[in-house]
Structure formats: structure tokens, C-alpha cells
Amino acid sequence: MFGCDFMKINKDNKSKKKIASALRYDIENDNAPVVLAKGHDNMAKRIIDKAKEHDIPVYEDEKLAKQLDRLELNQEIPRELYEAVAQILLFISNIDVDNY
């Protein structure tokens, strides 16, 4: 099965609030990446810590972090975010290539 898990984090510079979202994309079962978890401040830290614990890549992008934060849990990302999330998938694939 092909797929990936990844985190999106960023510190919102205006409010100084840390935002984290965890996404899943299972190429065989998902039409698009799905929001698995999201949170601010302490919850964001827990999400980030869990990603690090499981060697899940972390990608930072303030604009995307805010957009993902507006989505519901278990929601597929909307089409307007496909290009931005594709950049994350490219980032992950480059990490995977570098590790082999």
C-alpha cells in the first residue's frame, strides 16, 4: 500500500499561536489528503511531538497552516489546497529519496 502521513506546523506571527495539522494520504483509499488532527498551542505541541516520535516529516507554511486549521477532522482537503499540499508531498518524496 502506498501512502504517507505528514504534519503541517507553523507559528502564526500575528497572534504568536502555534498551529499544527496532521494529514494522511493513502493513495489506494483516499481521494485526497485527510485531516487527522489539528490544534493550537499545547495541542499543536503534542501533535508535533507525536510526529517526531514516529519519524513523520514536518513541513512549515504559515498560509497553509491557517487554511488547514479551518477544515474539520477527517475532512478531505478541498481542491483549492491541492497545489499547496502537493508541495508537501514533493517535500516528503525528496526526504524518502535522500534516505535510500
C-alpha atoms as a PDB file:
ATOM      1  CA  MET A   1       0.000   0.000   0.000  1.00  0.00           C
ATOM      2  CA  PHE A   2       1.312   3.441  -0.887  1.00  0.00           C
ATOM      3  CA  GLY A   3       0.540   6.435   1.254  1.00  0.00           C
ATOM      4  CA  CYS A   4       2.041   8.889   3.657  1.00  0.00           C
ATOM      5  CA  ASP A   5       1.452  10.725   6.882  1.00  0.00           C
ATOM      6  CA  PHE A   6       2.784  14.216   7.411  1.00  0.00           C
ATOM      7  CA  MET A   7       2.499  17.199   9.670  1.00  0.00           C
ATOM      8  CA  LYS A   8       1.946  20.837   8.860  1.00  0.00           C
ATOM      9  CA  ILE A   9       3.038  23.303  11.509  1.00  0.00           C
ATOM     10  CA  ASN A  10       3.614  26.980  11.728  1.00  0.00           C
ATOM     11  CA  LYS A  11       3.713  29.742  14.263  1.00  0.00           C
ATOM     12  CA  ASP A  12       1.193  32.437  13.397  1.00  0.00           C
ATOM     13  CA  ASN A  13       3.318  35.576  13.667  1.00  0.00           C
ATOM     14  CA  LYS A  14       0.393  37.904  14.378  1.00  0.00           C
ATOM     15  CA  SER A  15      -1.097  36.013  17.314  1.00  0.00           C
ATOM     16  CA  LYS A  16       2.066  34.066  18.261  1.00  0.00           C
ATOM     17  CA  LYS A  17      -0.128  30.971  18.278  1.00  0.00           C
ATOM     18  CA  LYS A  18       1.391  27.657  17.182  1.00  0.00           C
ATOM     19  CA  ILE A  19      -0.828  25.747  14.761  1.00  0.00           C
ATOM     20  CA  ALA A  20      -0.384  22.103  13.763  1.00  0.00           C
ATOM     21  CA  SER A  21      -2.335  19.824  11.465  1.00  0.00           C
ATOM     22  CA  ALA A  22      -1.702  16.154  10.739  1.00  0.00           C
ATOM     23  CA  LEU A  23      -2.674  14.872   7.318  1.00  0.00           C
ATOM     24  CA  ARG A  24      -2.975  11.359   5.931  1.00  0.00           C
ATOM     25  CA  TYR A  25      -2.950  10.348   2.297  1.00  0.00           C
ATOM     26  CA  ASP A  26      -3.471   6.715   1.386  1.00  0.00           C
ATOM     27  CA  ILE A  27      -3.244   6.579  -2.391  1.00  0.00           C
ATOM     28  CA  GLU A  28      -5.338   3.397  -2.533  1.00  0.00           C
ATOM     29  CA  ASN A  29      -8.190   4.556  -0.290  1.00  0.00           C
ATOM     30  CA  ASP A  30      -8.251   8.374  -0.190  1.00  0.00           C
ATOM     31  CA  ASN A  31      -9.316  10.705  -2.978  1.00  0.00           C
ATOM     32  CA  ALA A  32      -7.261  13.469  -1.354  1.00  0.00           C
ATOM     33  CA  PRO A  33      -5.273  14.011   1.852  1.00  0.00           C
ATOM     34  CA  VAL A  34      -7.418  13.910   5.004  1.00  0.00           C
ATOM     35  CA  VAL A  35      -7.096  15.993   8.194  1.00  0.00           C
ATOM     36  CA  LEU A  36      -6.291  13.540  11.012  1.00  0.00           C
ATOM     37  CA  ALA A  37      -5.587  16.006  13.815  1.00  0.00           C
ATOM     38  CA  LYS A  38      -5.270  19.728  14.357  1.00  0.00           C
ATOM     39  CA  GLY A  39      -4.723  22.062  17.241  1.00  0.00           C
ATOM     40  CA  HIS A  40      -3.226  25.211  18.719  1.00  0.00           C
ATOM     41  CA  ASP A  41      -0.546  25.847  21.317  1.00  0.00           C
ATOM     42  CA  ASN A  42      -0.344  22.829  23.710  1.00  0.00           C
ATOM     43  CA  MET A  43      -2.320  20.564  21.386  1.00  0.00           C
ATOM     44  CA  ALA A  44      -0.102  21.660  18.486  1.00  0.00           C
ATOM     45  CA  LYS A  45       2.949  20.764  20.557  1.00  0.00           C
ATOM     46  CA  ARG A  46       1.510  17.312  21.306  1.00  0.00           C
ATOM     47  CA  ILE A  47       0.808  16.737  17.600  1.00  0.00           C
ATOM     48  CA  ILE A  48       4.334  17.815  16.678  1.00  0.00           C
ATOM     49  CA  ASP A  49       5.892  15.672  19.419  1.00  0.00           C
ATOM     50  CA  LYS A  50       3.914  12.645  18.225  1.00  0.00           C
ATOM     51  CA  ALA A  51       5.096  13.237  14.647  1.00  0.00           C
ATOM     52  CA  LYS A  52       8.719  13.395  15.773  1.00  0.00           C
ATOM     53  CA  GLU A  53       8.242  10.267  17.886  1.00  0.00           C
ATOM     54  CA  HIS A  54       7.127   8.391  14.742  1.00  0.00           C
ATOM     55  CA  ASP A  55       9.637   9.999  12.323  1.00  0.00           C
ATOM     56  CA  ILE A  56       6.865  11.740  10.404  1.00  0.00           C
ATOM     57  CA  PRO A  57       8.173  14.663   8.312  1.00  0.00           C
ATOM     58  CA  VAL A  58       7.207  18.163   9.455  1.00  0.00           C
ATOM     59  CA  TYR A  59       6.634  20.922   6.878  1.00  0.00           C
ATOM     60  CA  GLU A  60       6.120  24.613   7.676  1.00  0.00           C
ATOM     61  CA  ASP A  61       3.936  27.058   5.733  1.00  0.00           C
ATOM     62  CA  GLU A  62       2.000  29.794   7.566  1.00  0.00           C
ATOM     63  CA  LYS A  63      -0.686  30.339   4.924  1.00  0.00           C
ATOM     64  CA  LEU A  64      -1.389  26.629   4.519  1.00  0.00           C
ATOM     65  CA  ALA A  65      -1.420  26.122   8.296  1.00  0.00           C
ATOM     66  CA  LYS A  66      -4.226  28.646   8.626  1.00  0.00           C
ATOM     67  CA  GLN A  67      -6.191  27.091   5.746  1.00  0.00           C
ATOM     68  CA  LEU A  68      -5.864  23.559   7.141  1.00  0.00           C
ATOM     69  CA  ASP A  69      -6.937  24.805  10.567  1.00  0.00           C
ATOM     70  CA  ARG A  70     -10.322  25.811   9.105  1.00  0.00           C
ATOM     71  CA  LEU A  71     -11.074  22.240   7.970  1.00  0.00           C
ATOM     72  CA  GLU A  72     -12.913  19.631  10.019  1.00  0.00           C
ATOM     73  CA  LEU A  73     -11.302  16.466  11.350  1.00  0.00           C
ATOM     74  CA  ASN A  74     -11.490  13.571   8.860  1.00  0.00           C
ATOM     75  CA  GLN A  75     -12.273  16.042   6.063  1.00  0.00           C
ATOM     76  CA  GLU A  76     -10.513  15.681   2.729  1.00  0.00           C
ATOM     77  CA  ILE A  77      -8.666  18.804   1.728  1.00  0.00           C
ATOM     78  CA  PRO A  78     -10.583  20.887  -0.836  1.00  0.00           C
ATOM     79  CA  ARG A  79      -9.388  21.198  -4.440  1.00  0.00           C
ATOM     80  CA  GLU A  80      -8.109  24.727  -3.863  1.00  0.00           C
ATOM     81  CA  LEU A  81      -5.462  23.296  -1.483  1.00  0.00           C
ATOM     82  CA  TYR A  82      -4.271  20.510  -3.814  1.00  0.00           C
ATOM     83  CA  GLU A  83      -1.355  22.512  -5.206  1.00  0.00           C
ATOM     84  CA  ALA A  84      -0.113  23.588  -1.765  1.00  0.00           C
ATOM     85  CA  VAL A  85      -0.384  20.064  -0.373  1.00  0.00           C
ATOM     86  CA  ALA A  86       1.332  18.701  -3.496  1.00  0.00           C
ATOM     87  CA  GLN A  87       4.359  20.756  -2.398  1.00  0.00           C
ATOM     88  CA  ILE A  88       4.317  18.847   0.898  1.00  0.00           C
ATOM     89  CA  LEU A  89       4.131  15.514  -0.919  1.00  0.00           C
ATOM     90  CA  LEU A  90       7.111  16.568  -3.056  1.00  0.00           C
ATOM     91  CA  PHE A  91       8.984  17.555   0.116  1.00  0.00           C
ATOM     92  CA  ILE A  92       8.282  14.108   1.604  1.00  0.00           C
ATOM     93  CA  SER A  93       9.246  12.245  -1.548  1.00  0.00           C
ATOM     94  CA  ASN A  94      12.569  14.115  -1.584  1.00  0.00           C
ATOM     95  CA  ILE A  95      13.170  13.081   2.040  1.00  0.00           C
ATOM     96  CA  ASP A  96      12.374   9.467   1.145  1.00  0.00           C
ATOM     97  CA  VAL A  97      14.790   9.549  -1.824  1.00  0.00           C
ATOM     98  CA  ASP A  98      17.543  11.063   0.331  1.00  0.00           C
ATOM     99  CA  ASN A  99      17.097   8.323   2.924  1.00  0.00           C
ATOM    100  CA  TYR A 100      17.708   5.479   0.430  1.00  0.00           C
END
